[in-house]
C-alpha atoms as a PDB file:
ATOM      1  CA  MET A   1       4.271  10.073 -19.637  1.00  0.00           C
ATOM      2  CA  SER A   2       3.388   9.147 -16.058  1.00  0.00           C
ATOM      3  CA  SER A   3       1.095  11.033 -13.737  1.00  0.00           C
ATOM      4  CA  ALA A   4       1.532  11.107  -9.973  1.00  0.00           C
ATOM      5  CA  SER A   5      -0.782   8.760  -8.142  1.00  0.00           C
ATOM      6  CA  LEU A   6      -3.277  10.311  -5.776  1.00  0.00           C
ATOM      7  CA  GLN A   7      -1.940   8.064  -3.010  1.00  0.00           C
ATOM      8  CA  ASP A   8       1.494   9.678  -3.311  1.00  0.00           C
ATOM      9  CA  ASN A   9       0.091  12.851  -1.751  1.00  0.00           C
ATOM     10  CA  VAL A  10       0.852  13.057   1.984  1.00  0.00           C
ATOM     11  CA  VAL A  11      -2.404  14.821   2.808  1.00  0.00           C
ATOM     12  CA  VAL A  12      -4.438  12.153   1.018  1.00  0.00           C
ATOM     13  CA  GLN A  13      -2.538   9.401   2.837  1.00  0.00           C
ATOM     14  CA  PHE A  14      -3.256  11.103   6.170  1.00  0.00           C
ATOM     15  CA  LEU A  15      -6.960  11.502   5.407  1.00  0.00           C
ATOM     16  CA  VAL A  16      -7.296   7.901   4.204  1.00  0.00           C
ATOM     17  CA  GLY A  17      -5.597   6.785   7.420  1.00  0.00           C
ATOM     18  CA  LEU A  18      -8.113   8.748   9.486  1.00  0.00           C
ATOM     19  CA  VAL A  19     -10.981   7.229   7.515  1.00  0.00           C
ATOM     20  CA  VAL A  20      -9.601   3.726   8.079  1.00  0.00           C
ATOM     21  CA  ILE A  21      -9.179   4.296  11.822  1.00  0.00           C
ATOM     22  CA  THR A  22     -12.678   5.757  12.121  1.00  0.00           C
ATOM     23  CA  ALA A  23     -14.146   2.840  10.170  1.00  0.00           C
ATOM     24  CA  MET A  24     -12.273   0.440  12.448  1.00  0.00           C
ATOM     25  CA  PHE A  25     -13.899   2.116  15.469  1.00  0.00           C
ATOM     26  CA  VAL A  26     -17.338   1.727  13.908  1.00  0.00           C
ATOM     27  CA  GLY A  27     -16.672  -1.853  12.770  1.00  0.00           C
ATOM     28  CA  GLY A  28     -15.285  -2.764  16.161  1.00  0.00           C
ATOM     29  CA  GLY A  29     -18.360  -1.360  17.868  1.00  0.00           C
ATOM     30  CA  GLY A  30     -20.615  -3.340  15.571  1.00  0.00           C
ATOM     31  CA  GLY A  31     -18.591  -6.470  16.166  1.00  0.00           C
ATOM     32  CA  ALA A  32     -18.802  -5.933  19.928  1.00  0.00           C
ATOM     33  CA  VAL A  33     -22.591  -5.698  19.756  1.00  0.00           C
ATOM     34  CA  VAL A  34     -22.959  -8.797  17.587  1.00  0.00           C
ATOM     35  CA  VAL A  35     -20.437 -11.039  19.342  1.00  0.00           C
ATOM     36  CA  GLY A  36     -21.235  -9.561  22.762  1.00  0.00           C
ATOM     37  CA  SER A  37     -24.798 -10.778  22.462  1.00  0.00           C
ATOM     38  CA  LEU A  38     -23.497 -14.355  22.542  1.00  0.00           C
ATOM     39  CA  GLY A  39     -22.751 -13.921  26.226  1.00  0.00           C
ATOM     40  CA  PHE A  40     -19.450 -15.723  26.674  1.00  0.00           C
ATOM     41  CA  PRO A  41     -16.635 -14.113  28.691  1.00  0.00           C
ATOM     42  CA  TYR A  42     -14.700 -11.392  26.851  1.00  0.00           C
ATOM     43  CA  ALA A  43     -17.142 -11.547  23.948  1.00  0.00           C
ATOM     44  CA  ASP A  44     -17.044  -7.764  23.594  1.00  0.00           C
ATOM     45  CA  VAL A  45     -13.256  -7.768  23.285  1.00  0.00           C
ATOM     46  CA  VAL A  46     -13.351 -10.529  20.688  1.00  0.00           C
ATOM     47  CA  GLY A  47     -16.072  -8.661  18.793  1.00  0.00           C
ATOM     48  CA  VAL A  48     -14.077  -5.431  18.710  1.00  0.00           C
ATOM     49  CA  PHE A  49     -11.034  -7.309  17.469  1.00  0.00           C
ATOM     50  CA  LEU A  50     -12.936  -9.189  14.770  1.00  0.00           C
ATOM     51  CA  GLY A  51     -14.893  -6.136  13.609  1.00  0.00           C
ATOM     52  CA  SER A  52     -11.861  -3.888  13.325  1.00  0.00           C
ATOM     53  CA  LEU A  53      -9.824  -6.655  11.680  1.00  0.00           C
ATOM     54  CA  LEU A  54     -12.531  -7.164   9.076  1.00  0.00           C
ATOM     55  CA  VAL A  55     -12.591  -3.441   8.247  1.00  0.00           C
ATOM     56  CA  PHE A  56      -8.799  -3.293   8.061  1.00  0.00           C
ATOM     57  CA  LEU A  57      -8.604  -6.287   5.742  1.00  0.00           C
ATOM     58  CA  ALA A  58     -11.278  -4.792   3.485  1.00  0.00           C
ATOM     59  CA  PHE A  59      -9.365  -1.513   3.200  1.00  0.00           C
ATOM     60  CA  ALA A  60      -6.093  -3.366   2.654  1.00  0.00           C
ATOM     61  CA  ALA A  61      -7.621  -5.418  -0.153  1.00  0.00           C
ATOM     62  CA  LEU A  62      -9.037  -2.284  -1.776  1.00  0.00           C
ATOM     63  CA  SER A  63      -5.716  -0.515  -1.424  1.00  0.00           C
ATOM     64  CA  VAL A  64      -3.789  -3.349  -3.056  1.00  0.00           C
ATOM     65  CA  ARG A  65      -6.353  -3.653  -5.819  1.00  0.00           C
ATOM     66  CA  SER A  66      -6.302   0.092  -6.586  1.00  0.00           C
ATOM     67  CA  GLY A  67      -2.501   0.134  -6.511  1.00  0.00           C
ATOM     68  CA  GLN A  68      -2.142  -2.469  -9.252  1.00  0.00           C
ATOM     69  CA  ASP A  69      -1.381  -1.242 -12.726  1.00  0.00           C
ATOM     70  CA  GLY A  70      -3.405  -2.343 -15.686  1.00  0.00           C
ATOM     71  CA  ALA A  71      -0.228  -3.474 -17.443  1.00  0.00           C
END
Protein backbone atom coordinates (compact mmCIF):
# COMPACT_ATOMS: atom_id res chain seq x y z
CA MET A 1 0.00 0.00 0.00
CA SER A 2 1.56 3.29 -1.09
CA SER A 3 0.52 6.75 0.00
CA ALA A 4 0.86 9.82 -2.20
CA SER A 5 3.86 11.94 -1.37
CA LEU A 6 3.19 15.46 -0.17
CA GLN A 7 5.46 16.75 -2.94
CA ASP A 8 3.13 15.28 -5.58
CA ASN A 9 0.56 17.95 -4.74
CA VAL A 10 0.70 20.88 -7.19
CA VAL A 11 -0.22 23.45 -4.56
CA VAL A 12 2.55 22.25 -2.24
CA GLN A 13 5.06 22.37 -5.10
CA PHE A 14 4.01 25.94 -5.90
CA LEU A 15 4.29 27.05 -2.27
CA VAL A 16 7.69 25.38 -1.83
CA GLY A 17 8.85 27.15 -5.00
CA LEU A 18 7.75 30.50 -3.59
CA VAL A 19 9.55 29.78 -0.33
CA VAL A 20 12.73 28.88 -2.22
CA ILE A 21 12.59 32.04 -4.33
CA THR A 22 11.95 34.21 -1.27
CA ALA A 23 14.82 32.56 0.60
CA MET A 24 17.06 33.15 -2.42
CA PHE A 25 16.18 36.87 -2.28
CA VAL A 26 17.06 37.00 1.41
CA GLY A 27 20.24 34.93 0.96
CA GLY A 28 21.28 37.04 -2.00
CA GLY A 29 20.79 40.21 0.00
CA GLY A 30 22.88 38.83 2.83
CA GLY A 31 25.57 37.74 0.42
CA ALA A 32 25.59 41.20 -1.16
CA VAL A 33 26.13 42.83 2.23
CA VAL A 34 28.92 40.45 3.23
CA VAL A 35 30.80 40.33 -0.08
CA GLY A 36 29.99 43.97 -0.87
CA SER A 37 31.88 45.07 2.21
CA LEU A 38 35.08 43.77 0.62
CA GLY A 39 34.99 46.71 -1.76
CA PHE A 40 36.11 45.20 -5.06
CA PRO A 41 34.23 46.01 -8.28
CA TYR A 42 30.94 44.14 -8.73
CA ALA A 43 31.22 42.70 -5.23
CA ASP A 44 27.49 43.17 -4.69
CA VAL A 45 26.66 41.18 -7.82
CA VAL A 46 29.01 38.38 -6.80
CA GLY A 47 27.51 38.39 -3.30
CA VAL A 48 23.96 38.11 -4.60
CA PHE A 49 24.97 35.25 -6.86
CA LEU A 50 26.83 33.37 -4.13
CA GLY A 51 24.13 33.92 -1.50
CA SER A 52 21.28 32.79 -3.72
CA LEU A 53 23.32 29.84 -5.02
CA LEU A 54 24.03 28.71 -1.47
CA VAL A 55 20.32 28.83 -0.57
CA PHE A 56 19.36 26.98 -3.74
CA LEU A 57 21.92 24.23 -3.15
CA ALA A 58 20.73 23.82 0.45
CA PHE A 59 17.11 23.42 -0.68
CA ALA A 60 18.15 21.06 -3.47
CA ALA A 61 20.08 18.88 -1.03
CA LEU A 62 17.13 18.80 1.36
CA SER A 63 14.77 17.98 -1.47
CA VAL A 64 16.89 15.08 -2.69
CA ARG A 65 17.36 13.79 0.84
CA SER A 66 13.62 13.92 1.62
CA GLY A 67 12.79 12.26 -1.71
CA GLN A 68 14.87 9.17 -1.00
CA ASP A 69 13.06 6.09 0.18
CA GLY A 70 14.16 4.21 3.24
CA ALA A 71 14.36 1.01 1.20
